[in-house]
Protein backbone atom coordinates (compact mmCIF):
# COMPACT_ATOMS: atom_id res chain seq x y z
CA MET A 1 0.00 0.00 0.00
CA GLY A 2 2.86 2.39 0.73
CA ILE A 3 3.23 5.14 3.34
CA GLU A 4 0.78 7.53 1.65
CA GLY A 5 -1.88 4.83 1.40
CA ASP A 6 -1.30 3.83 5.03
CA GLU A 7 -1.57 7.45 6.15
CA GLU A 8 -4.89 7.82 4.28
CA GLU A 9 -6.28 4.66 5.88
CA ILE A 10 -5.19 5.92 9.30
CA ARG A 11 -6.95 9.25 8.61
CA ARG A 12 -10.07 7.22 7.79
CA THR A 13 -9.79 5.43 11.14
CA LEU A 14 -9.44 8.77 12.94
CA THR A 15 -12.49 10.12 11.10
CA ARG A 16 -14.57 7.00 11.73
CA TYR A 17 -13.84 7.32 15.45
CA CYS A 18 -15.46 10.77 15.53
CA GLN A 19 -18.40 10.08 13.23
CA LEU A 20 -19.39 6.71 14.67
CA CYS A 21 -19.15 8.04 18.23
CA ASP A 22 -21.19 11.15 17.39
CA ASP A 23 -23.85 9.00 15.71
CA GLY A 24 -24.07 6.57 18.64
CA ARG A 25 -22.97 3.63 16.49
CA PHE A 26 -20.97 2.10 19.33
CA ALA A 27 -20.74 -1.49 18.08
CA GLU A 28 -19.03 -0.27 14.88
CA TRP A 29 -17.03 2.28 16.87
CA GLY A 30 -15.68 -0.46 19.14
CA GLU A 31 -14.34 -2.34 16.11
CA LEU A 32 -11.86 0.50 15.57
CA PHE A 33 -9.89 -0.87 18.55
CA THR A 34 -7.82 -4.04 18.84
CA SER A 35 -9.20 -6.61 21.26
CA ASP A 36 -6.41 -5.72 23.74
CA ALA A 37 -6.51 -1.93 23.25
CA ARG A 38 -6.15 0.62 26.05
CA PHE A 39 -8.19 3.82 26.22
CA TRP A 40 -6.72 6.37 28.61
CA VAL A 41 -8.83 9.38 29.63
CA MET A 42 -9.19 11.53 32.76
CA GLY A 43 -6.49 9.57 34.59
CA ARG A 44 -8.13 6.19 34.03
CA ALA A 45 -7.36 3.31 31.71
CA HIS A 46 -10.05 1.18 30.12
CA GLU A 47 -8.66 -2.09 28.79
CA GLY A 48 -10.02 -4.22 25.99
CA ARG A 49 -12.42 -3.43 23.16
CA ASP A 50 -15.57 -4.38 25.10
CA ALA A 51 -14.68 -2.34 28.19
CA ILE A 52 -13.78 0.68 26.04
CA ARG A 53 -17.07 0.48 24.13
CA LYS A 54 -19.12 0.12 27.32
CA PHE A 55 -17.36 3.11 28.91
CA ILE A 56 -18.07 5.40 25.94
CA GLU A 57 -21.59 4.13 25.41
CA ALA A 58 -22.48 4.78 29.06
CA GLY A 59 -20.86 8.23 29.01
CA LEU A 60 -22.53 9.42 25.82
CA PRO A 61 -26.28 8.86 25.92
CA PRO A 62 -28.15 10.75 23.16
CA GLU A 63 -28.59 13.92 25.23
CA ARG A 64 -24.80 14.21 25.80
CA ARG A 65 -23.68 13.60 22.24
CA GLY A 66 -22.31 16.32 20.05
CA LYS A 67 -19.78 16.69 17.27
CA HIS A 68 -16.08 15.95 17.35
CA VAL A 69 -14.03 18.25 15.16
CA ALA A 70 -10.58 16.76 14.62
CA VAL A 71 -7.97 18.52 12.54
CA SER A 72 -4.50 18.14 11.10
CA PRO A 73 -3.33 14.72 12.30
CA LEU A 74 0.41 14.19 12.44
CA ILE A 75 0.96 10.56 11.44
CA VAL A 76 4.17 8.53 11.66
CA VAL A 77 4.06 5.04 10.11
CA ASP A 78 6.66 2.41 10.97
CA GLY A 79 5.81 -0.82 9.16
CA ASP A 80 2.64 -2.28 10.68
CA GLU A 81 2.65 0.19 13.59
CA ALA A 82 1.83 3.89 13.56
CA ARG A 83 1.52 6.87 15.89
CA ALA A 84 -0.82 9.81 15.39
CA TRP A 85 -1.42 13.08 17.20
CA THR A 86 -4.65 14.91 16.36
CA ASP A 87 -6.00 18.15 17.80
CA PHE A 88 -9.73 18.19 18.54
CA VAL A 89 -12.64 20.19 19.88
CA PHE A 90 -15.96 18.75 21.00
CA VAL A 91 -19.11 20.76 20.44
CA GLY A 92 -21.94 19.73 22.72
CA GLN A 93 -25.35 20.86 23.80
CA ALA A 94 -25.33 23.74 26.27
CA GLY A 95 -28.64 25.15 27.43
CA ASP A 96 -30.63 26.05 24.33
CA GLY A 97 -27.59 26.09 22.08
CA LEU A 98 -24.19 24.60 21.42
CA ALA A 99 -20.78 25.24 22.93
CA VAL A 100 -17.26 23.89 22.80
CA THR A 101 -17.26 21.65 25.85
CA SER A 102 -13.75 20.24 25.53
CA ALA A 103 -10.60 20.56 23.47
CA GLY A 104 -7.26 18.82 23.39
CA ARG A 105 -5.20 16.29 21.51
CA TYR A 106 -5.57 12.59 20.81
CA HIS A 107 -2.35 10.59 21.23
CA ASP A 108 -2.75 7.33 19.33
CA HIS A 109 -0.90 4.09 18.72
CA LEU A 110 -2.32 2.05 15.84
CA ARG A 111 -1.60 -1.34 14.34
CA ARG A 112 -2.34 -2.73 10.92
CA ASP A 113 -4.88 -5.54 11.20
CA GLY A 114 -5.37 -7.12 7.80
CA ASP A 115 -6.51 -4.34 5.49
CA ARG A 116 -7.44 -1.84 8.23
CA TRP A 117 -5.77 0.12 11.00
CA ARG A 118 -7.00 -0.18 14.60
CA PHE A 119 -6.18 1.68 17.78
CA THR A 120 -4.00 -0.16 20.28
CA LEU A 121 -3.88 2.92 22.53
CA ARG A 122 -5.83 6.15 22.51
CA GLU A 123 -4.99 8.72 25.16
CA ILE A 124 -7.18 11.82 25.32
CA VAL A 125 -5.15 14.77 26.59
CA PHE A 126 -7.38 17.72 27.36
CA LEU A 127 -6.21 21.30 26.86
CA GLY A 128 -3.93 22.31 29.73
CA GLU A 129 -3.00 18.73 30.64
CA ALA A 130 0.17 16.77 29.89
CA PRO A 131 0.04 13.23 28.51
CA GLU A 132 0.27 10.54 31.17
CA VAL A 133 1.17 7.51 29.06
CA SER A 134 2.06 8.85 25.60
CA ASP A 135 4.95 10.70 24.09
CA LEU A 136 4.77 14.23 22.76
CA PRO A 137 4.58 14.52 18.97
CA PRO A 138 7.86 14.86 17.11
CA ALA A 139 8.98 18.37 16.23
């Protein structure tokens, strides 16, 4: 496939994460993770695809869903492994309107699994925080 093709498929995985989560399609969303993936957010790790899906599904009932806006991923591919750093904002319901309710950066480890890329680690680092388990992006 080549580096450019791999980077495009990784971008598709990053995009699917946002769209499937926003749409409440959690079974499909969970398939973006390897069976042994770790999801690190707010100082807690959730381990394994099923535990990750259950955590997100419980935390995002329809009234709490919004839109993820993810921009400009920096992707580094090394064979069948990759790292990605993607800035994001989350727009959610606030009173009678919408507001940015969080912002930060996703720190991702991905692995090629057949013809698709899956997350092995996703750490959500909110604005003003430092990563707890991931490296900073390369300069």
